[in-house]
Amino acid sequence: GQIEAEDSVVLADFEAGLGTLSRMKAGQLDVALVVAEPTAKSMEVARRAVELLRERTGCEPIIVANRVAGAEEQQLIERTLAGASIVVIPDDPAIRAADLRGVAPFDAMPNAPAVRAVRALAAGLLTSHRTDGGPTGRGAPLPPD
């Protein structure tokens, strides 16, 4: 069905892999986030996901490079997924510490680097994919960190 609300945001977390993406059609989404870690397998799946999304939906996905431990890993992702918009979420021991304690990192460690990066990503998405005709419009680039 259709959602008939103004300024609505629907976020879907699809299963890992390419199955759901292979069934996507043009007009079914405004933006797609492809989460990838700096490993060969993860980057290959992300590369294929980007190709599928571009081909099937016309969408230009945003790569969320997760658990990036430094400049070398970031450069590896940027080389492998060249041409894609990439947002880096740093590898952050605060996330593991919060997980071990069974608490949400956003509550327990709101100033941790990874939490700040995710907050910036969310704010950028809300700003750049406005539906009210505001100045940034749909498809505007994410603001810098």
Protein backbone atom coordinates (compact mmCIF):
# COMPACT_ATOMS: atom_id res chain seq x y z
CA GLY A 1 0.00 0.00 0.00
CA GLN A 2 0.83 3.68 -0.03
CA ILE A 3 1.53 5.92 2.92
CA GLU A 4 -0.56 9.05 2.52
CA ALA A 5 1.08 11.25 5.15
CA GLU A 6 3.03 14.46 4.59
CA ASP A 7 6.64 14.48 5.78
CA SER A 8 6.55 10.77 6.59
CA VAL A 9 9.71 8.71 6.86
CA VAL A 10 9.70 4.96 6.46
CA LEU A 11 12.89 3.11 7.20
CA ALA A 12 13.25 -0.52 6.16
CA ASP A 13 16.10 -2.75 7.26
CA PHE A 14 16.37 -5.43 4.58
CA GLU A 15 18.05 -8.77 5.03
CA ALA A 16 21.73 -8.93 4.20
CA GLY A 17 22.49 -9.88 0.64
CA LEU A 18 20.98 -9.10 -2.73
CA GLY A 19 17.67 -11.00 -2.81
CA THR A 20 15.34 -8.15 -1.82
CA LEU A 21 17.24 -5.65 -3.94
CA SER A 22 16.88 -7.84 -7.03
CA ARG A 23 13.09 -7.44 -6.76
CA MET A 24 13.08 -3.64 -6.30
CA LYS A 25 11.52 -1.43 -8.96
CA ALA A 26 11.80 2.21 -9.94
CA GLY A 27 9.85 4.49 -7.63
CA GLN A 28 9.87 2.13 -4.65
CA LEU A 29 12.39 4.14 -2.67
CA ASP A 30 13.83 7.60 -2.40
CA VAL A 31 17.17 6.69 -0.90
CA ALA A 32 19.01 3.48 -0.10
CA LEU A 33 21.77 2.98 2.43
CA VAL A 34 24.11 0.11 1.70
CA VAL A 35 26.08 -0.85 4.80
CA ALA A 36 29.53 -2.30 4.16
CA GLU A 37 32.47 -3.18 6.34
CA PRO A 38 36.07 -3.02 5.12
CA THR A 39 36.27 -6.71 4.26
CA ALA A 40 36.55 -8.25 0.81
CA LYS A 41 33.23 -10.12 1.03
CA SER A 42 31.29 -7.17 2.44
CA MET A 43 32.64 -4.74 -0.15
CA GLU A 44 31.88 -7.14 -3.02
CA VAL A 45 28.27 -7.52 -1.85
CA ALA A 46 28.03 -3.72 -1.46
CA ARG A 47 29.42 -3.19 -4.97
CA ARG A 48 26.84 -5.58 -6.39
CA ALA A 49 24.07 -3.95 -4.32
CA VAL A 50 24.98 -0.52 -5.69
CA GLU A 51 24.85 -1.88 -9.25
CA LEU A 52 21.47 -3.53 -8.64
CA LEU A 53 19.97 -0.43 -7.05
CA ARG A 54 21.17 1.81 -9.85
CA GLU A 55 19.90 -0.60 -12.50
CA ARG A 56 16.57 -1.56 -10.94
CA THR A 57 15.48 1.65 -9.19
CA GLY A 58 17.52 4.49 -10.64
CA CYS A 59 18.44 5.31 -7.06
CA GLU A 60 21.95 6.50 -6.23
CA PRO A 61 22.64 4.65 -2.97
CA ILE A 62 24.70 5.95 -0.10
CA ILE A 63 27.39 3.62 1.22
CA VAL A 64 27.61 3.46 5.00
CA ALA A 65 31.16 2.28 5.62
CA ASN A 66 30.81 0.69 9.06
CA ARG A 67 33.53 -0.15 11.59
CA VAL A 68 36.26 1.65 9.65
CA ALA A 69 39.45 1.44 11.72
CA GLY A 70 41.50 4.10 9.98
CA ALA A 71 42.57 5.89 6.82
CA GLU A 72 43.81 2.72 5.11
CA GLU A 73 40.45 0.98 5.46
CA GLN A 74 38.60 4.12 4.39
CA GLN A 75 40.75 4.40 1.27
CA LEU A 76 40.14 0.73 0.49
CA ILE A 77 36.38 1.29 0.60
CA GLU A 78 36.66 4.48 -1.46
CA ARG A 79 38.71 2.67 -4.13
CA THR A 80 36.45 -0.37 -4.21
CA LEU A 81 33.23 1.63 -4.32
CA ALA A 82 34.51 4.57 -6.36
CA GLY A 83 31.85 6.96 -7.53
CA ALA A 84 29.46 6.20 -4.68
CA SER A 85 28.59 8.61 -1.91
CA ILE A 86 30.27 7.20 1.21
CA VAL A 87 29.60 8.00 4.86
CA VAL A 88 32.18 6.59 7.29
CA ILE A 89 31.22 5.22 10.70
CA PRO A 90 34.45 4.67 12.63
CA ASP A 91 35.26 1.51 14.51
CA ASP A 92 34.53 2.62 18.04
CA PRO A 93 35.26 0.69 21.25
CA ALA A 94 32.48 2.66 22.94
CA ILE A 95 29.93 0.77 20.85
CA ARG A 96 31.25 -2.61 21.98
CA ALA A 97 31.41 -1.41 25.59
CA ALA A 98 27.78 -0.28 25.50
CA ASP A 99 26.74 -3.56 23.87
CA LEU A 100 28.51 -5.58 26.56
CA ARG A 101 26.62 -3.59 29.20
CA GLY A 102 23.33 -4.08 27.34
CA VAL A 103 22.71 -0.35 26.88
CA ALA A 104 22.08 1.75 23.80
CA PRO A 105 25.21 3.63 22.69
CA PHE A 106 23.06 6.68 21.87
CA ASP A 107 22.03 6.87 25.53
CA ALA A 108 25.19 5.65 27.25
CA MET A 109 27.80 7.38 25.10
CA PRO A 110 26.18 10.12 23.03
CA ASN A 111 29.52 11.76 22.21
CA ALA A 112 31.29 8.61 21.03
CA PRO A 113 32.70 9.05 17.49
CA ALA A 114 30.49 6.36 15.95
CA VAL A 115 27.36 7.77 17.60
CA ARG A 116 28.18 11.26 16.35
CA ALA A 117 28.72 9.86 12.83
CA VAL A 118 25.35 8.06 12.85
CA ARG A 119 23.59 11.18 14.16
CA ALA A 120 25.19 13.24 11.37
CA LEU A 121 24.08 10.66 8.79
CA ALA A 122 20.48 10.77 10.09
CA ALA A 123 20.45 14.58 10.13
CA GLY A 124 21.86 14.68 6.61
CA LEU A 125 19.22 12.29 5.33
CA LEU A 126 16.41 14.28 6.90
CA THR A 127 17.79 17.49 5.43
CA SER A 128 18.69 16.27 1.97
CA HIS A 129 15.54 14.26 1.31
CA ARG A 130 12.95 16.79 2.39
CA THR A 131 9.48 16.39 0.97
CA ASP A 132 8.34 19.96 1.69
CA GLY A 133 10.10 21.54 -1.28
CA GLY A 134 12.66 23.19 0.99
CA PRO A 135 15.94 24.58 -0.26
CA THR A 136 17.93 21.34 -0.33
CA GLY A 137 15.41 19.22 -2.21
CA ARG A 138 15.64 15.49 -2.82
CA GLY A 139 18.94 14.01 -3.74
CA ALA A 140 21.08 16.82 -2.35
CA PRO A 141 24.46 15.69 -1.06
CA LEU A 142 24.90 14.92 2.59
CA PRO A 143 26.51 17.70 4.61
CA PRO A 144 30.17 17.23 5.54
CA ASP A 145 31.06 15.94 9.01
